[in-house]
PDB file of N, CA and C in Angstrom:
ATOM      1  N   TYR A   1     -44.520 191.642 -50.912  1.00  0.00           N
ATOM      2  CA  TYR A   1     -45.069 191.270 -49.785  1.00  0.00           C
ATOM      3  C   TYR A   1     -44.112 190.359 -49.104  1.00  0.00           C
ATOM      4  N   LEU A   2     -43.080 189.680 -49.825  1.00  0.00           N
ATOM      5  CA  LEU A   2     -42.231 188.762 -49.154  1.00  0.00           C
ATOM      6  C   LEU A   2     -41.177 189.184 -48.572  1.00  0.00           C
ATOM      7  N   ASN A   3     -40.663 190.443 -49.116  1.00  0.00           N
ATOM      8  CA  ASN A   3     -39.534 190.904 -48.677  1.00  0.00           C
ATOM      9  C   ASN A   3     -39.896 191.726 -47.296  1.00  0.00           C
ATOM     10  N   SER A   4     -41.212 192.107 -47.201  1.00  0.00           N
ATOM     11  CA  SER A   4     -41.411 192.800 -45.918  1.00  0.00           C
ATOM     12  C   SER A   4     -41.964 191.831 -44.785  1.00  0.00           C
ATOM     13  N   LEU A   5     -42.015 190.400 -45.280  1.00  0.00           N
ATOM     14  CA  LEU A   5     -42.391 189.436 -44.198  1.00  0.00           C
ATOM     15  C   LEU A   5     -41.044 189.176 -43.779  1.00  0.00           C
ATOM     16  N   LEU A   6     -39.909 188.567 -44.512  1.00  0.00           N
ATOM     17  CA  LEU A   6     -38.575 188.567 -44.063  1.00  0.00           C
ATOM     18  C   LEU A   6     -37.979 189.532 -43.644  1.00  0.00           C
ATOM     19  N   GLN A   7     -38.205 190.524 -43.617  1.00  0.00           N
ATOM     20  CA  GLN A   7     -37.631 191.608 -42.967  1.00  0.00           C
ATOM     21  C   GLN A   7     -38.145 191.679 -41.540  1.00  0.00           C
ATOM     22  N   THR A   8     -39.281 191.419 -41.302  1.00  0.00           N
ATOM     23  CA  THR A   8     -40.028 191.528 -39.969  1.00  0.00           C
ATOM     24  C   THR A   8     -39.442 190.277 -39.272  1.00  0.00           C
ATOM     25  N   LEU A   9     -39.390 189.178 -40.019  1.00  0.00           N
ATOM     26  CA  LEU A   9     -39.085 187.976 -39.215  1.00  0.00           C
ATOM     27  C   LEU A   9     -37.626 188.002 -38.781  1.00  0.00           C
ATOM     28  N   PHE A  10     -36.813 188.629 -39.634  1.00  0.00           N
ATOM     29  CA  PHE A  10     -35.054 188.911 -39.259  1.00  0.00           C
ATOM     30  C   PHE A  10     -35.099 189.846 -38.508  1.00  0.00           C
ATOM     31  N   LEU A  11     -35.788 191.031 -38.061  1.00  0.00           N
ATOM     32  CA  LEU A  11     -35.664 191.720 -37.261  1.00  0.00           C
ATOM     33  C   LEU A  11     -36.209 191.341 -35.724  1.00  0.00           C
ATOM     34  N   ASP A  12     -36.912 190.280 -35.841  1.00  0.00           N
ATOM     35  CA  ASP A  12     -37.410 189.435 -34.470  1.00  0.00           C
ATOM     36  C   ASP A  12     -36.175 188.742 -33.955  1.00  0.00           C
ATOM     37  N   PRO A  13     -35.874 189.022 -32.907  1.00  0.00           N
ATOM     38  CA  PRO A  13     -34.667 188.426 -32.557  1.00  0.00           C
ATOM     39  C   PRO A  13     -34.877 186.891 -31.894  1.00  0.00           C
ATOM     40  N   SER A  14     -36.084 186.760 -31.362  1.00  0.00           N
ATOM     41  CA  SER A  14     -36.162 185.400 -30.911  1.00  0.00           C
ATOM     42  C   SER A  14     -36.463 184.453 -32.210  1.00  0.00           C
ATOM     43  N   PHE A  15     -37.181 184.963 -33.189  1.00  0.00           N
ATOM     44  CA  PHE A  15     -37.393 184.166 -34.415  1.00  0.00           C
ATOM     45  C   PHE A  15     -36.062 183.750 -35.075  1.00  0.00           C
ATOM     46  N   ARG A  16     -35.418 184.956 -35.263  1.00  0.00           N
ATOM     47  CA  ARG A  16     -34.090 184.517 -35.821  1.00  0.00           C
ATOM     48  C   ARG A  16     -33.011 183.889 -35.065  1.00  0.00           C
ATOM     49  N   SER A  17     -33.176 183.626 -33.795  1.00  0.00           N
ATOM     50  CA  SER A  17     -32.611 182.471 -32.901  1.00  0.00           C
ATOM     51  C   SER A  17     -32.987 181.285 -33.199  1.00  0.00           C
ATOM     52  N   VAL A  18     -34.259 181.044 -33.477  1.00  0.00           N
ATOM     53  CA  VAL A  18     -34.973 179.804 -33.639  1.00  0.00           C
ATOM     54  C   VAL A  18     -34.541 179.227 -35.184  1.00  0.00           C
ATOM     55  N   VAL A  19     -34.334 180.327 -35.796  1.00  0.00           N
ATOM     56  CA  VAL A  19     -33.743 179.961 -37.511  1.00  0.00           C
ATOM     57  C   VAL A  19     -32.356 179.463 -37.225  1.00  0.00           C
ATOM     58  N   TYR A  20     -31.694 180.166 -36.641  1.00  0.00           N
ATOM     59  CA  TYR A  20     -30.166 179.848 -36.516  1.00  0.00           C
ATOM     60  C   TYR A  20     -29.966 178.611 -35.671  1.00  0.00           C
ATOM     61  N   SER A  21     -30.791 178.296 -34.807  1.00  0.00           N
ATOM     62  CA  SER A  21     -30.655 177.127 -33.948  1.00  0.00           C
ATOM     63  C   SER A  21     -30.943 175.681 -34.794  1.00  0.00           C
ATOM     64  N   PHE A  22     -31.433 175.890 -35.801  1.00  0.00           N
ATOM     65  CA  PHE A  22     -31.878 174.649 -36.813  1.00  0.00           C
ATOM     66  C   PHE A  22     -30.695 174.143 -37.177  1.00  0.00           C
ATOM     67  N   ARG A  23     -30.716 172.786 -37.312  1.00  0.00           N
ATOM     68  CA  ARG A  23     -29.567 171.967 -37.707  1.00  0.00           C
ATOM     69  C   ARG A  23     -29.839 171.283 -38.746  1.00  0.00           C
ATOM     70  N   TYR A  24     -29.239 171.157 -40.050  1.00  0.00           N
ATOM     71  CA  TYR A  24     -29.814 170.675 -41.409  1.00  0.00           C
ATOM     72  C   TYR A  24     -28.865 169.071 -41.087  1.00  0.00           C
ATOM     73  N   ASN A  25     -30.000 168.230 -41.420  1.00  0.00           N
ATOM     74  CA  ASN A  25     -29.598 166.827 -41.570  1.00  0.00           C
ATOM     75  C   ASN A  25     -30.153 166.235 -42.913  1.00  0.00           C
ATOM     76  N   GLU A  26     -29.380 166.129 -43.667  1.00  0.00           N
ATOM     77  CA  GLU A  26     -29.727 165.567 -44.951  1.00  0.00           C
ATOM     78  C   GLU A  26     -30.410 164.548 -44.896  1.00  0.00           C
ATOM     79  N   ALA A  27     -30.321 163.581 -44.253  1.00  0.00           N
ATOM     80  CA  ALA A  27     -31.117 162.168 -44.066  1.00  0.00           C
ATOM     81  C   ALA A  27     -32.761 162.848 -43.762  1.00  0.00           C
ATOM     82  N   LYS A  28     -32.877 163.469 -42.931  1.00  0.00           N
ATOM     83  CA  LYS A  28     -34.063 163.804 -42.542  1.00  0.00           C
ATOM     84  C   LYS A  28     -34.502 165.176 -43.282  1.00  0.00           C
ATOM     85  N   ASP A  29     -34.030 165.979 -43.765  1.00  0.00           N
ATOM     86  CA  ASP A  29     -34.377 167.255 -44.107  1.00  0.00           C
ATOM     87  C   ASP A  29     -34.344 167.106 -45.797  1.00  0.00           C
ATOM     88  N   GLY A  30     -33.936 166.255 -46.352  1.00  0.00           N
ATOM     89  CA  GLY A  30     -33.721 166.064 -47.866  1.00  0.00           C
ATOM     90  C   GLY A  30     -32.583 167.208 -48.381  1.00  0.00           C
ATOM     91  N   VAL A  31     -32.556 167.526 -49.462  1.00  0.00           N
ATOM     92  CA  VAL A  31     -31.406 168.132 -50.352  1.00  0.00           C
ATOM     93  C   VAL A  31     -31.539 169.622 -49.963  1.00  0.00           C
ATOM     94  N   GLN A  32     -30.304 170.068 -49.721  1.00  0.00           N
ATOM     95  CA  GLN A  32     -30.181 171.815 -49.203  1.00  0.00           C
ATOM     96  C   GLN A  32     -31.124 172.399 -50.051  1.00  0.00           C
ATOM     97  N   LYS A  33     -31.119 172.428 -51.200  1.00  0.00           N
ATOM     98  CA  LYS A  33     -31.736 173.491 -51.879  1.00  0.00           C
ATOM     99  C   LYS A  33     -33.173 173.441 -51.910  1.00  0.00           C
ATOM    100  N   ASP A  34     -33.715 172.277 -51.030  1.00  0.00           N
ATOM    101  CA  ASP A  34     -35.176 172.274 -51.062  1.00  0.00           C
ATOM    102  C   ASP A  34     -35.614 172.435 -49.818  1.00  0.00           C
ATOM    103  N   CYS A  35     -34.653 172.603 -48.988  1.00  0.00           N
ATOM    104  CA  CYS A  35     -34.867 172.849 -47.346  1.00  0.00           C
ATOM    105  C   CYS A  35     -35.219 174.084 -46.978  1.00  0.00           C
ATOM    106  N   ILE A  36     -36.559 174.599 -46.697  1.00  0.00           N
ATOM    107  CA  ILE A  36     -36.585 175.876 -46.396  1.00  0.00           C
ATOM    108  C   ILE A  36     -36.285 176.632 -45.017  1.00  0.00           C
ATOM    109  N   PRO A  37     -35.876 175.486 -43.690  1.00  0.00           N
ATOM    110  CA  PRO A  37     -35.130 176.333 -42.891  1.00  0.00           C
ATOM    111  C   PRO A  37     -33.905 176.435 -43.088  1.00  0.00           C
ATOM    112  N   PHE A  38     -33.264 175.787 -43.829  1.00  0.00           N
ATOM    113  CA  PHE A  38     -31.623 175.793 -44.210  1.00  0.00           C
ATOM    114  C   PHE A  38     -31.487 177.143 -45.052  1.00  0.00           C
ATOM    115  N   GLN A  39     -32.464 177.220 -46.248  1.00  0.00           N
ATOM    116  CA  GLN A  39     -32.328 178.331 -47.089  1.00  0.00           C
ATOM    117  C   GLN A  39     -32.547 179.690 -46.008  1.00  0.00           C
ATOM    118  N   LEU A  40     -33.323 179.613 -45.306  1.00  0.00           N
ATOM    119  CA  LEU A  40     -33.706 180.869 -44.383  1.00  0.00           C
ATOM    120  C   LEU A  40     -32.495 181.302 -43.777  1.00  0.00           C
ATOM    121  N   GLN A  41     -31.996 180.169 -43.041  1.00  0.00           N
ATOM    122  CA  GLN A  41     -30.830 180.481 -42.345  1.00  0.00           C
ATOM    123  C   GLN A  41     -29.564 181.018 -43.128  1.00  0.00           C
ATOM    124  N   LEU A  42     -29.407 180.598 -44.508  1.00  0.00           N
ATOM    125  CA  LEU A  42     -28.597 181.220 -45.324  1.00  0.00           C
ATOM    126  C   LEU A  42     -28.703 182.856 -45.787  1.00  0.00           C
ATOM    127  N   LEU A  43     -30.023 182.758 -45.951  1.00  0.00           N
ATOM    128  CA  LEU A  43     -30.641 184.344 -46.149  1.00  0.00           C
ATOM    129  C   LEU A  43     -30.353 185.168 -44.969  1.00  0.00           C
ATOM    130  N   PHE A  44     -30.605 184.686 -43.677  1.00  0.00           N
ATOM    131  CA  PHE A  44     -30.611 185.619 -42.630  1.00  0.00           C
ATOM    132  C   PHE A  44     -29.101 185.741 -42.462  1.00  0.00           C
ATOM    133  N   ALA A  45     -28.110 184.963 -42.429  1.00  0.00           N
ATOM    134  CA  ALA A  45     -27.095 185.046 -42.501  1.00  0.00           C
ATOM    135  C   ALA A  45     -26.334 186.233 -43.323  1.00  0.00           C
ATOM    136  N   GLU A  46     -26.598 186.055 -44.399  1.00  0.00           N
ATOM    137  CA  GLU A  46     -26.406 187.120 -45.544  1.00  0.00           C
ATOM    138  C   GLU A  46     -26.783 188.537 -45.101  1.00  0.00           C
ATOM    139  N   LEU A  47     -27.963 188.618 -44.628  1.00  0.00           N
ATOM    140  CA  LEU A  47     -28.379 189.631 -44.252  1.00  0.00           C
ATOM    141  C   LEU A  47     -27.631 190.209 -43.243  1.00  0.00           C
ATOM    142  N   GLN A  48     -27.331 189.092 -42.122  1.00  0.00           N
ATOM    143  CA  GLN A  48     -26.460 189.808 -40.799  1.00  0.00           C
ATOM    144  C   GLN A  48     -25.151 190.248 -40.863  1.00  0.00           C
ATOM    145  N   ILE A  49     -24.487 189.038 -41.747  1.00  0.00           N
ATOM    146  CA  ILE A  49     -22.988 189.382 -42.159  1.00  0.00           C
ATOM    147  C   ILE A  49     -22.515 189.874 -43.280  1.00  0.00           C
ATOM    148  N   GLY A  50     -23.591 189.936 -44.225  1.00  0.00           N
ATOM    149  CA  GLY A  50     -23.180 190.306 -45.782  1.00  0.00           C
ATOM    150  C   GLY A  50     -22.583 191.897 -45.544  1.00  0.00           C
ATOM    151  N   GLU A  51     -21.883 192.212 -46.576  1.00  0.00           N
ATOM    152  CA  GLU A  51     -21.257 193.624 -46.578  1.00  0.00           C
ATOM    153  C   GLU A  51     -22.335 194.660 -46.671  1.00  0.00           C
ATOM    154  N   ASN A  52     -23.175 194.453 -47.599  1.00  0.00           N
ATOM    155  CA  ASN A  52     -24.032 195.400 -47.624  1.00  0.00           C
ATOM    156  C   ASN A  52     -25.699 195.354 -47.030  1.00  0.00           C
ATOM    157  N   GLY A  53     -25.915 194.162 -46.326  1.00  0.00           N
ATOM    158  CA  GLY A  53     -27.148 193.987 -45.597  1.00  0.00           C
ATOM    159  C   GLY A  53     -28.367 193.754 -46.594  1.00  0.00           C
ATOM    160  N   VAL A  54     -27.960 193.330 -47.901  1.00  0.00           N
ATOM    161  CA  VAL A  54     -28.765 192.995 -48.975  1.00  0.00           C
ATOM    162  C   VAL A  54     -28.602 191.479 -49.534  1.00  0.00           C
ATOM    163  N   ALA A  55     -29.604 190.866 -49.663  1.00  0.00           N
ATOM    164  CA  ALA A  55     -29.466 189.446 -49.986  1.00  0.00           C
ATOM    165  C   ALA A  55     -30.443 188.999 -50.814  1.00  0.00           C
ATOM    166  N   LYS A  56     -30.455 188.094 -51.966  1.00  0.00           N
ATOM    167  CA  LYS A  56     -31.407 187.873 -52.917  1.00  0.00           C
ATOM    168  C   LYS A  56     -32.081 186.507 -52.537  1.00  0.00           C
ATOM    169  N   THR A  57     -33.232 186.514 -52.484  1.00  0.00           N
ATOM    170  CA  THR A  57     -34.442 185.543 -52.006  1.00  0.00           C
ATOM    171  C   THR A  57     -34.373 184.289 -53.096  1.00  0.00           C
ATOM    172  N   GLY A  58     -33.985 184.268 -54.360  1.00  0.00           N
ATOM    173  CA  GLY A  58     -34.144 183.400 -55.234  1.00  0.00           C
ATOM    174  C   GLY A  58     -33.985 181.826 -54.516  1.00  0.00           C
ATOM    175  N   ALA A  59     -32.968 181.573 -53.812  1.00  0.00           N
ATOM    176  CA  ALA A  59     -32.806 180.207 -53.340  1.00  0.00           C
ATOM    177  C   ALA A  59     -33.877 179.858 -52.164  1.00  0.00           C
ATOM    178  N   LEU A  60     -34.372 180.762 -51.441  1.00  0.00           N
ATOM    179  CA  LEU A  60     -35.481 180.492 -50.601  1.00  0.00           C
ATOM    180  C   LEU A  60     -36.837 180.279 -51.379  1.00  0.00           C
ATOM    181  N   THR A  61     -37.131 181.054 -52.359  1.00  0.00           N
ATOM    182  CA  THR A  61     -38.429 180.919 -53.233  1.00  0.00           C
ATOM    183  C   THR A  61     -38.271 179.728 -53.924  1.00  0.00           C
ATOM    184  N   ASP A  62     -37.179 179.302 -54.117  1.00  0.00           N
ATOM    185  CA  ASP A  62     -37.034 177.890 -54.830  1.00  0.00           C
ATOM    186  C   ASP A  62     -37.406 176.818 -54.022  1.00  0.00           C
ATOM    187  N   SER A  63     -36.723 176.864 -52.696  1.00  0.00           N
ATOM    188  CA  SER A  63     -37.014 175.934 -51.785  1.00  0.00           C
ATOM    189  C   SER A  63     -38.605 175.639 -51.569  1.00  0.00           C
ATOM    190  N   PHE A  64     -39.434 176.705 -51.818  1.00  0.00           N
ATOM    191  CA  PHE A  64     -40.872 176.661 -51.284  1.00  0.00           C
ATOM    192  C   PHE A  64     -41.379 175.598 -52.548  1.00  0.00           C
ATOM    193  N   GLY A  65     -40.749 175.645 -53.587  1.00  0.00           N
ATOM    194  CA  GLY A  65     -41.452 174.965 -54.669  1.00  0.00           C
ATOM    195  C   GLY A  65     -42.334 175.747 -55.663  1.00  0.00           C
ATOM    196  N   TRP A  66     -42.181 176.846 -55.571  1.00  0.00           N
ATOM    197  CA  TRP A  66     -42.843 177.914 -56.477  1.00  0.00           C
ATOM    198  C   TRP A  66     -42.392 177.664 -57.894  1.00  0.00           C
ATOM    199  N   THR A  67     -43.277 177.782 -58.674  1.00  0.00           N
ATOM    200  CA  THR A  67     -42.907 177.610 -60.278  1.00  0.00           C
ATOM    201  C   THR A  67     -42.771 178.927 -60.856  1.00  0.00           C
ATOM    202  N   ASN A  68     -42.454 179.137 -61.748  1.00  0.00           N
ATOM    203  CA  ASN A  68     -41.936 180.541 -62.422  1.00  0.00           C
ATOM    204  C   ASN A  68     -43.041 181.451 -62.417  1.00  0.00           C
ATOM    205  N   GLY A  69     -42.959 182.660 -61.438  1.00  0.00           N
ATOM    206  CA  GLY A  69     -43.879 183.626 -61.762  1.00  0.00           C
ATOM    207  C   GLY A  69     -44.513 183.683 -60.269  1.00  0.00           C
ATOM    208  N   GLN A  70     -44.747 182.651 -59.653  1.00  0.00           N
ATOM    209  CA  GLN A  70     -45.281 182.643 -58.345  1.00  0.00           C
ATOM    210  C   GLN A  70     -44.854 183.676 -57.517  1.00  0.00           C
ATOM    211  N   GLN A  71     -43.614 183.919 -57.262  1.00  0.00           N
ATOM    212  CA  GLN A  71     -43.085 185.031 -56.547  1.00  0.00           C
ATOM    213  C   GLN A  71     -43.519 186.368 -56.807  1.00  0.00           C
ATOM    214  N   TYR A  72     -44.274 186.670 -58.093  1.00  0.00           N
ATOM    215  CA  TYR A  72     -44.727 187.880 -58.285  1.00  0.00           C
ATOM    216  C   TYR A  72     -46.196 188.087 -58.332  1.00  0.00           C
ATOM    217  N   GLU A  73     -46.573 186.989 -57.577  1.00  0.00           N
ATOM    218  CA  GLU A  73     -48.189 187.197 -57.364  1.00  0.00           C
ATOM    219  C   GLU A  73     -48.315 187.863 -56.408  1.00  0.00           C
ATOM    220  N   GLN A  74     -49.336 188.653 -56.418  1.00  0.00           N
ATOM    221  CA  GLN A  74     -49.701 189.339 -55.179  1.00  0.00           C
ATOM    222  C   GLN A  74     -50.529 188.787 -54.044  1.00  0.00           C
ATOM    223  N   HIS A  75     -50.124 188.823 -52.934  1.00  0.00           N
ATOM    224  CA  HIS A  75     -50.989 188.152 -51.721  1.00  0.00           C
ATOM    225  C   HIS A  75     -50.675 189.237 -50.385  1.00  0.00           C
ATOM    226  N   ASP A  76     -51.810 188.969 -49.532  1.00  0.00           N
ATOM    227  CA  ASP A  76     -51.310 189.482 -48.199  1.00  0.00           C
ATOM    228  C   ASP A  76     -50.219 188.839 -47.582  1.00  0.00           C
ATOM    229  N   VAL A  77     -49.706 189.843 -46.920  1.00  0.00           N
ATOM    230  CA  VAL A  77     -48.391 189.239 -46.220  1.00  0.00           C
ATOM    231  C   VAL A  77     -48.891 188.338 -45.119  1.00  0.00           C
ATOM    232  N   GLN A  78     -50.103 188.545 -44.443  1.00  0.00           N
ATOM    233  CA  GLN A  78     -50.533 187.477 -43.336  1.00  0.00           C
ATOM    234  C   GLN A  78     -50.975 186.156 -44.127  1.00  0.00           C
ATOM    235  N   GLU A  79     -51.450 186.204 -45.147  1.00  0.00           N
ATOM    236  CA  GLU A  79     -51.733 184.910 -46.026  1.00  0.00           C
ATOM    237  C   GLU A  79     -50.186 184.235 -45.959  1.00  0.00           C
ATOM    238  N   LEU A  80     -49.217 184.559 -46.573  1.00  0.00           N
ATOM    239  CA  LEU A  80     -47.842 184.057 -46.765  1.00  0.00           C
ATOM    240  C   LEU A  80     -47.575 183.865 -45.438  1.00  0.00           C
ATOM    241  N   MET A  81     -47.578 184.341 -44.457  1.00  0.00           N
ATOM    242  CA  MET A  81     -47.051 183.842 -42.983  1.00  0.00           C
ATOM    243  C   MET A  81     -48.041 182.333 -42.800  1.00  0.00           C
ATOM    244  N   ARG A  82     -49.159 182.673 -42.968  1.00  0.00           N
ATOM    245  CA  ARG A  82     -50.014 181.430 -42.777  1.00  0.00           C
ATOM    246  C   ARG A  82     -49.806 180.223 -43.417  1.00  0.00           C
ATOM    247  N   VAL A  83     -49.120 180.398 -44.769  1.00  0.00           N
ATOM    248  CA  VAL A  83     -48.708 179.396 -45.655  1.00  0.00           C
ATOM    249  C   VAL A  83     -47.134 178.913 -45.289  1.00  0.00           C
TER     250      VAL A  83
END
């Protein structure tokens, strides 16, 4: 469900533009590894300019604060989007 949502968001040019317009500020946003918008930028950039269009989501899910295994729990995609 997470990959489906990320692909949908990535393929929406207006959403991708908003993500790319985010400017990280350590004083305001905390450490990079915990900053969801920053990690989403990195993931989108890897999808867009990476050699094979594949990216790992580990850093993004870590920024969510999920504990081990939470990324494997089944949820509806609209529930994830809401959260």
